[in-house]
């Protein structure tokens, strides 16, 4: 093989690997959510509370012409508030689902670091036309404060997608 042919072969193989990794990464966010983890959005206005293993989301939404106005707050469980001093890299997302629990899209509602005080949020989201329910997903790190100013780190998360 001549040198340019090897280069083209290498370039083609690299492009195929990159394309395959993009397809795999794109499908990682798709999936199904079990019916018991879905919150109906059939009503045009609703107030509710969702409890996860580490936190509670109190929320209120109103839907109109393909948009959802969502207001609420995140309150952390006592196990986090009393056992740790710092919150790091926290992210709460809302996931829209179709009638079969299939993921249609995800929106970040809250990102935060600092204390475990309640975190308010207010967002206006574009709602997928086939969305009939929603659910929440979160992740973060809790840090213990030791005598030296640093302590152990505990990751916490909840992902309802199977």
Protein backbone atom coordinates (compact mmCIF):
# COMPACT_ATOMS: atom_id res chain seq x y z
CA UNK A 1 0.00 0.00 0.00
CA UNK A 2 1.15 3.50 -0.72
CA UNK A 3 1.33 6.04 2.10
CA UNK A 4 -1.76 8.07 0.99
CA UNK A 5 -3.86 4.90 0.86
CA UNK A 6 -2.93 4.00 4.45
CA UNK A 7 -3.80 7.51 5.56
CA UNK A 8 -7.21 7.33 3.87
CA UNK A 9 -7.85 3.90 5.40
CA UNK A 10 -6.92 5.21 8.87
CA UNK A 11 -9.06 8.33 8.37
CA UNK A 12 -12.06 6.25 7.26
CA UNK A 13 -11.73 3.91 10.24
CA UNK A 14 -11.47 6.89 12.62
CA UNK A 15 -14.59 8.50 11.17
CA UNK A 16 -16.54 5.24 11.54
CA UNK A 17 -15.44 4.88 15.18
CA UNK A 18 -16.49 8.45 15.96
CA UNK A 19 -19.85 7.96 14.25
CA UNK A 20 -20.48 4.73 16.17
CA UNK A 21 -19.66 6.41 19.48
CA UNK A 22 -22.08 9.26 18.68
CA UNK A 23 -24.88 6.79 17.96
CA UNK A 24 -24.17 4.95 21.22
CA UNK A 25 -24.04 8.19 23.23
CA UNK A 26 -27.29 9.41 21.68
CA UNK A 27 -29.15 6.23 22.59
CA UNK A 28 -27.93 6.33 26.21
CA UNK A 29 -30.47 9.04 27.04
CA UNK A 30 -33.34 7.08 25.50
CA UNK A 31 -35.08 4.35 27.35
CA UNK A 32 -38.22 3.46 29.23
CA UNK A 33 -39.57 4.49 32.60
CA UNK A 34 -41.78 2.09 34.55
CA UNK A 35 -45.43 3.24 34.93
CA UNK A 36 -45.15 3.59 38.73
CA UNK A 37 -42.37 6.16 38.26
CA UNK A 38 -44.39 8.34 35.84
CA UNK A 39 -46.31 11.46 36.87
CA UNK A 40 -49.30 12.24 34.67
CA UNK A 41 -49.48 15.66 33.03
CA UNK A 42 -53.03 15.19 31.71
CA UNK A 43 -54.38 18.18 33.64
CA UNK A 44 -53.67 21.68 32.37
CA UNK A 45 -52.79 22.80 35.94
CA UNK A 46 -51.52 20.69 38.80
CA UNK A 47 -49.69 20.93 42.12
CA UNK A 48 -47.92 17.96 43.63
CA UNK A 49 -45.00 16.50 45.44
CA UNK A 50 -42.51 13.90 44.26
CA UNK A 51 -40.33 12.02 46.75
CA UNK A 52 -37.04 10.47 45.79
CA UNK A 53 -34.68 8.55 48.05
CA UNK A 54 -32.65 11.68 48.92
CA UNK A 55 -34.98 14.62 48.34
CA UNK A 56 -38.50 15.90 47.77
CA UNK A 57 -39.61 18.07 44.87
CA UNK A 58 -42.67 20.21 45.52
CA UNK A 59 -43.96 21.51 42.20
CA UNK A 60 -46.77 23.31 40.40
CA UNK A 61 -47.24 23.42 36.66
CA UNK A 62 -49.55 24.92 34.09
CA UNK A 63 -49.59 23.83 30.47
CA UNK A 64 -50.70 25.89 27.48
CA UNK A 65 -50.02 25.61 23.74
CA UNK A 66 -47.09 23.21 23.93
CA UNK A 67 -45.38 24.90 26.85
CA UNK A 68 -45.17 24.07 30.52
CA UNK A 69 -44.60 26.67 33.22
CA UNK A 70 -43.07 24.81 36.16
CA UNK A 71 -42.40 26.26 39.61
CA UNK A 72 -41.21 24.47 42.69
CA UNK A 73 -38.49 23.72 45.17
CA UNK A 74 -36.11 20.93 46.09
CA UNK A 75 -35.83 19.94 49.76
CA UNK A 76 -33.11 17.53 50.79
CA UNK A 77 -33.67 14.59 53.15
CA UNK A 78 -32.45 14.88 56.74
CA UNK A 79 -29.82 12.24 56.04
CA UNK A 80 -28.11 14.72 53.69
CA UNK A 81 -28.87 17.96 55.51
CA UNK A 82 -27.72 16.69 58.91
CA UNK A 83 -24.94 14.35 57.82
CA UNK A 84 -23.08 16.56 55.36
CA UNK A 85 -22.04 20.17 55.18
CA UNK A 86 -21.58 20.88 51.46
CA UNK A 87 -23.48 20.11 48.28
CA UNK A 88 -21.45 19.79 45.09
CA UNK A 89 -22.45 19.42 41.44
CA UNK A 90 -26.16 18.92 42.08
CA UNK A 91 -28.41 18.63 39.05
CA UNK A 92 -32.17 18.02 38.92
CA UNK A 93 -33.77 17.27 35.56
CA UNK A 94 -37.32 16.82 34.32
CA UNK A 95 -37.92 14.05 31.79
CA UNK A 96 -40.95 14.08 29.44
CA UNK A 97 -42.42 10.67 28.57
CA UNK A 98 -44.86 9.33 26.00
CA UNK A 99 -47.81 6.99 26.70
CA UNK A 100 -45.48 3.97 26.83
CA UNK A 101 -43.03 5.61 29.26
CA UNK A 102 -40.49 6.23 26.49
CA UNK A 103 -38.18 9.20 27.04
CA UNK A 104 -38.99 12.13 24.75
CA UNK A 105 -36.64 14.70 26.18
CA UNK A 106 -34.95 16.01 29.29
CA UNK A 107 -34.56 19.51 30.74
CA UNK A 108 -32.25 20.62 33.54
CA UNK A 109 -34.28 22.43 36.21
CA UNK A 110 -31.66 23.10 38.87
CA UNK A 111 -27.90 23.08 39.15
CA UNK A 112 -26.39 24.04 42.46
CA UNK A 113 -23.52 23.76 44.87
CA UNK A 114 -23.14 25.01 48.40
CA UNK A 115 -25.54 24.30 51.23
CA UNK A 116 -28.40 21.85 51.56
CA UNK A 117 -30.98 24.63 51.95
CA UNK A 118 -34.14 24.29 49.85
CA UNK A 119 -33.55 25.26 46.21
CA UNK A 120 -36.37 27.09 44.40
CA UNK A 121 -36.84 26.88 40.63
CA UNK A 122 -39.06 28.39 37.95
CA UNK A 123 -38.77 27.45 34.29
CA UNK A 124 -40.83 27.57 31.13
CA UNK A 125 -40.29 24.48 29.00
CA UNK A 126 -41.29 23.43 25.54
CA UNK A 127 -43.36 20.28 25.98
CA UNK A 128 -43.09 17.54 23.33
CA UNK A 129 -46.47 17.10 21.62
CA UNK A 130 -46.71 13.39 22.50
CA UNK A 131 -45.78 13.85 26.19
CA UNK A 132 -48.37 12.44 28.60
CA UNK A 133 -46.24 12.13 31.74
CA UNK A 134 -43.03 13.28 33.37
CA UNK A 135 -40.54 12.16 35.97
CA UNK A 136 -37.50 13.55 37.74
CA UNK A 137 -33.84 12.53 37.71
CA UNK A 138 -31.04 13.89 39.89
CA UNK A 139 -27.42 13.52 40.85
CA UNK A 140 -25.01 15.25 43.20
CA UNK A 141 -22.27 14.90 45.76
CA UNK A 142 -22.47 15.45 49.50
CA UNK A 143 -19.28 16.40 51.33
CA UNK A 144 -18.52 15.92 55.01
CA UNK A 145 -16.56 18.69 56.63
CA UNK A 146 -13.60 17.35 58.61
CA UNK A 147 -11.19 19.10 60.95
CA UNK A 148 -8.87 19.84 58.06
CA UNK A 149 -11.70 21.46 56.08
CA UNK A 150 -12.19 18.48 53.81
CA UNK A 151 -13.97 15.23 54.37
CA UNK A 152 -15.51 12.25 52.71
CA UNK A 153 -17.51 12.58 49.52
CA UNK A 154 -20.71 10.64 48.94
CA UNK A 155 -22.38 10.54 45.53
CA UNK A 156 -26.17 10.36 45.42
CA UNK A 157 -28.44 9.97 42.44
CA UNK A 158 -31.76 8.75 41.15
CA UNK A 159 -32.32 7.68 37.54
CA UNK A 160 -35.74 6.19 36.72
CA UNK A 161 -34.79 5.18 33.19
CA UNK A 162 -34.47 1.41 32.68
